[in-house]
Amino acid sequence: MEIVVDACVARSASGTEHPVSSSCRNFLAELTDKDSKCSLVMTSEIKEEWKRHASRFSRKLLVSLISRGKVKNLSVSNNKIRKLIENCKEINRIDPMRKDVHLIEAAIATDNTIFSTDDRARNHFEFLSCDSVEMQFIYWVNPVTSNAESISWIRDEPVLKDYFKLGGMIINRDVFCESASASEEGLDGD
């Protein structure tokens, strides 16, 4: 399984015993297990973010994964998703989505799985998923708030629950998407 790990996880995975740090560190450490079937997906944007933000622990882990052949480098761009972002009527969502669109693009090009502690970004992309079927099937898992599930994922036992999908958290999808469309239409009239 090919997974995308946001640099915020790499930054948080330090040597401290803070719950966020230890959850991220334990999650990433599972990738180095000899039985793990997961590979880390790296685009140029993800590599650059890891280079700028990763903790010492995460940098060492990345070197280990590269030496074991557990890093998949790819170049990907999804103009359809980028156009959806640029056309989003809720302008406060555009910049945060631009900042992390590379995570979505990498997930769509591989196994539809992102691990990130950035719940705000998830919220923005979940909103956008009303207009993108391919985004609705992306699993976005927070390794801090869902640590046991994250570790199971790495152990090749994915927890494929709808609430991890960008399109699965919306209890009444039709009402939510209609509401999102109505709020966008209201902005057009001003």
Protein backbone atom coordinates (compact mmCIF):
# COMPACT_ATOMS: atom_id res chain seq x y z
CA MET A 1 0.00 0.00 0.00
CA GLU A 2 1.28 3.44 -0.93
CA ILE A 3 0.51 6.16 1.61
CA VAL A 4 0.93 9.93 1.70
CA VAL A 5 2.23 11.37 4.98
CA ASP A 6 1.91 15.10 5.49
CA ALA A 7 4.98 16.97 6.76
CA CYS A 8 3.03 18.01 9.86
CA VAL A 9 3.28 14.38 11.01
CA ALA A 10 7.02 14.34 10.26
CA ARG A 11 7.45 17.59 12.22
CA SER A 12 5.54 16.33 15.26
CA ALA A 13 7.35 12.98 15.44
CA SER A 14 10.14 14.07 17.76
CA GLY A 15 11.78 12.41 20.74
CA THR A 16 9.56 14.01 23.39
CA GLU A 17 6.88 12.14 25.30
CA HIS A 18 4.17 14.67 24.46
CA PRO A 19 1.09 12.70 23.27
CA VAL A 20 1.12 14.29 19.79
CA SER A 21 4.84 13.64 19.38
CA SER A 22 4.73 10.05 20.62
CA SER A 23 1.64 9.22 18.50
CA CYS A 24 3.27 10.55 15.33
CA ARG A 25 6.60 8.90 16.17
CA ASN A 26 4.99 5.50 16.90
CA PHE A 27 2.96 5.72 13.70
CA LEU A 28 6.00 6.54 11.54
CA ALA A 29 8.15 3.90 13.27
CA GLU A 30 5.71 1.24 12.08
CA LEU A 31 6.74 2.05 8.50
CA THR A 32 10.24 0.70 9.18
CA ASP A 33 8.95 -2.64 10.45
CA LYS A 34 10.24 -5.40 8.17
CA ASP A 35 6.71 -6.79 7.82
CA SER A 36 5.14 -3.48 6.80
CA LYS A 37 3.88 -3.53 3.21
CA CYS A 38 3.51 0.26 3.09
CA SER A 39 5.57 2.61 0.98
CA LEU A 40 5.83 6.32 1.57
CA VAL A 41 4.78 8.45 -1.41
CA MET A 42 6.99 11.45 -2.17
CA THR A 43 6.35 14.16 -4.73
CA SER A 44 8.73 17.10 -5.09
CA GLU A 45 6.35 19.22 -2.98
CA ILE A 46 6.11 16.62 -0.22
CA LYS A 47 9.91 16.16 -0.22
CA GLU A 48 10.41 19.91 0.08
CA GLU A 49 7.99 20.14 3.02
CA TRP A 50 9.67 17.20 4.75
CA LYS A 51 13.07 18.81 4.18
CA ARG A 52 11.89 22.06 5.80
CA HIS A 53 9.81 20.66 8.64
CA ALA A 54 10.75 17.08 9.55
CA SER A 55 12.15 16.34 12.99
CA ARG A 56 15.53 14.63 13.36
CA PHE A 57 13.69 11.36 14.02
CA SER A 58 11.65 11.71 10.82
CA ARG A 59 14.70 12.57 8.69
CA LYS A 60 16.49 9.43 9.94
CA LEU A 61 13.37 7.39 9.30
CA LEU A 62 13.15 8.72 5.74
CA VAL A 63 16.76 7.75 5.05
CA SER A 64 16.02 4.25 6.38
CA LEU A 65 12.91 3.94 4.20
CA ILE A 66 14.81 5.09 1.11
CA SER A 67 17.56 2.51 1.75
CA ARG A 68 14.91 -0.23 2.07
CA GLY A 69 13.18 0.80 -1.16
CA LYS A 70 10.03 1.84 0.71
CA VAL A 71 9.71 5.31 -0.84
CA LYS A 72 7.83 5.85 -4.08
CA ASN A 73 8.84 9.04 -5.89
CA LEU A 74 6.32 10.39 -8.32
CA SER A 75 5.46 13.48 -10.25
CA VAL A 76 1.77 14.22 -10.43
CA SER A 77 -0.59 17.10 -11.08
CA ASN A 78 -4.36 17.00 -11.26
CA ASN A 79 -5.70 19.99 -13.17
CA LYS A 80 -9.30 18.99 -12.47
CA ILE A 81 -8.77 19.23 -8.69
CA ARG A 82 -6.76 22.45 -9.02
CA LYS A 83 -9.56 24.00 -11.10
CA LEU A 84 -12.15 22.99 -8.48
CA ILE A 85 -10.05 24.75 -5.83
CA GLU A 86 -9.67 27.92 -7.90
CA ASN A 87 -13.42 27.99 -8.57
CA CYS A 88 -14.40 27.50 -4.93
CA LYS A 89 -16.85 30.26 -4.01
CA GLU A 90 -15.82 30.23 -0.36
CA ILE A 91 -12.63 32.19 -0.87
CA ASN A 92 -11.39 31.56 2.69
CA ARG A 93 -10.93 27.90 1.69
CA ILE A 94 -8.83 28.48 -1.44
CA ASP A 95 -5.40 29.29 0.04
CA PRO A 96 -5.38 26.43 2.56
CA MET A 97 -6.37 23.99 -0.20
CA ARG A 98 -3.72 25.37 -2.58
CA LYS A 99 -1.14 24.78 0.14
CA ASP A 100 -2.01 21.07 0.46
CA VAL A 101 -3.38 20.12 -2.97
CA HIS A 102 -0.23 18.06 -3.60
CA LEU A 103 -1.37 15.65 -0.85
CA ILE A 104 -4.68 15.11 -2.63
CA GLU A 105 -2.98 14.70 -6.01
CA ALA A 106 -0.53 12.12 -4.63
CA ALA A 107 -3.32 10.20 -2.89
CA ILE A 108 -5.46 10.06 -6.04
CA ALA A 109 -2.46 8.83 -8.05
CA THR A 110 -1.73 6.04 -5.56
CA ASP A 111 -3.84 4.25 -2.93
CA ASN A 112 -6.13 7.10 -1.78
CA THR A 113 -4.66 7.38 1.70
CA ILE A 114 -3.36 10.47 3.52
CA PHE A 115 -2.09 10.63 7.09
CA SER A 116 -2.15 14.16 8.47
CA THR A 117 -2.79 15.96 11.73
CA ASP A 118 -4.15 18.98 9.83
CA ASP A 119 -7.87 18.67 10.51
CA ARG A 120 -8.57 22.15 9.07
CA ALA A 121 -7.17 21.11 5.70
CA ARG A 122 -9.25 17.94 5.87
CA ASN A 123 -12.35 20.05 6.50
CA HIS A 124 -11.67 22.21 3.43
CA PHE A 125 -11.11 19.22 1.17
CA GLU A 126 -14.15 17.47 2.60
CA PHE A 127 -16.19 20.51 1.58
CA LEU A 128 -14.70 20.37 -1.92
CA SER A 129 -15.40 16.63 -2.18
CA CYS A 130 -19.06 17.48 -2.88
CA ASP A 131 -17.86 18.39 -6.38
CA SER A 132 -15.32 15.59 -6.86
CA VAL A 133 -16.21 11.91 -6.76
CA GLU A 134 -12.52 10.91 -6.79
CA MET A 135 -11.90 13.00 -3.66
CA GLN A 136 -14.82 11.37 -1.83
CA PHE A 137 -12.90 8.09 -1.69
CA ILE A 138 -9.68 9.47 -0.20
CA TYR A 139 -9.01 8.22 3.31
CA TRP A 140 -7.67 11.08 5.48
CA VAL A 141 -6.54 9.70 8.83
CA ASN A 142 -5.17 11.66 11.76
CA PRO A 143 -2.47 9.50 13.44
CA VAL A 144 -2.94 11.35 16.73
CA THR A 145 -6.71 11.17 17.17
CA SER A 146 -6.90 7.74 15.46
CA ASN A 147 -3.55 6.27 16.51
CA ALA A 148 -4.59 2.62 16.86
CA GLU A 149 -6.32 2.68 13.47
CA SER A 150 -3.28 4.39 11.88
CA ILE A 151 -0.91 1.75 13.20
CA SER A 152 -3.24 -1.04 12.03
CA TRP A 153 -3.19 0.56 8.58
CA ILE A 154 0.61 0.36 8.47
CA ARG A 155 0.48 -3.25 9.65
CA ASP A 156 -1.49 -4.01 6.49
CA GLU A 157 -4.81 -4.12 8.29
CA PRO A 158 -6.49 -0.96 6.93
CA VAL A 159 -9.45 0.30 8.89
CA LEU A 160 -11.63 1.15 5.90
CA LYS A 161 -14.35 3.05 7.72
CA ASP A 162 -16.42 5.66 5.95
CA TYR A 163 -15.68 8.32 8.55
CA PHE A 164 -12.05 8.34 7.38
CA LYS A 165 -13.14 9.14 3.80
CA LEU A 166 -13.36 12.77 2.76
CA GLY A 167 -16.84 12.01 1.48
CA GLY A 168 -17.79 9.75 4.36
CA MET A 169 -17.96 12.13 7.34
CA ILE A 170 -20.98 13.91 5.98
CA ILE A 171 -23.98 12.26 7.60
CA ASN A 172 -26.49 13.70 5.16
CA ARG A 173 -24.36 14.28 2.08
CA ASP A 174 -27.19 15.62 -0.11
CA VAL A 175 -28.23 18.26 2.43
CA PHE A 176 -24.59 19.27 3.10
CA CYS A 177 -23.73 19.59 -0.58
CA GLU A 178 -26.98 21.43 -1.36
CA SER A 179 -26.21 23.80 1.52
CA ALA A 180 -22.66 24.31 0.21
CA SER A 181 -23.99 25.02 -3.28
CA ALA A 182 -26.66 27.39 -1.94
CA SER A 183 -24.11 29.38 0.05
CA GLU A 184 -21.96 29.63 -3.07
CA GLU A 185 -24.93 30.78 -5.16
CA GLY A 186 -25.72 33.43 -2.54
CA LEU A 187 -22.24 34.81 -3.00
CA ASP A 188 -22.81 35.14 -6.74
CA GLY A 189 -25.77 37.42 -6.20
CA ASP A 190 -23.85 40.00 -4.16
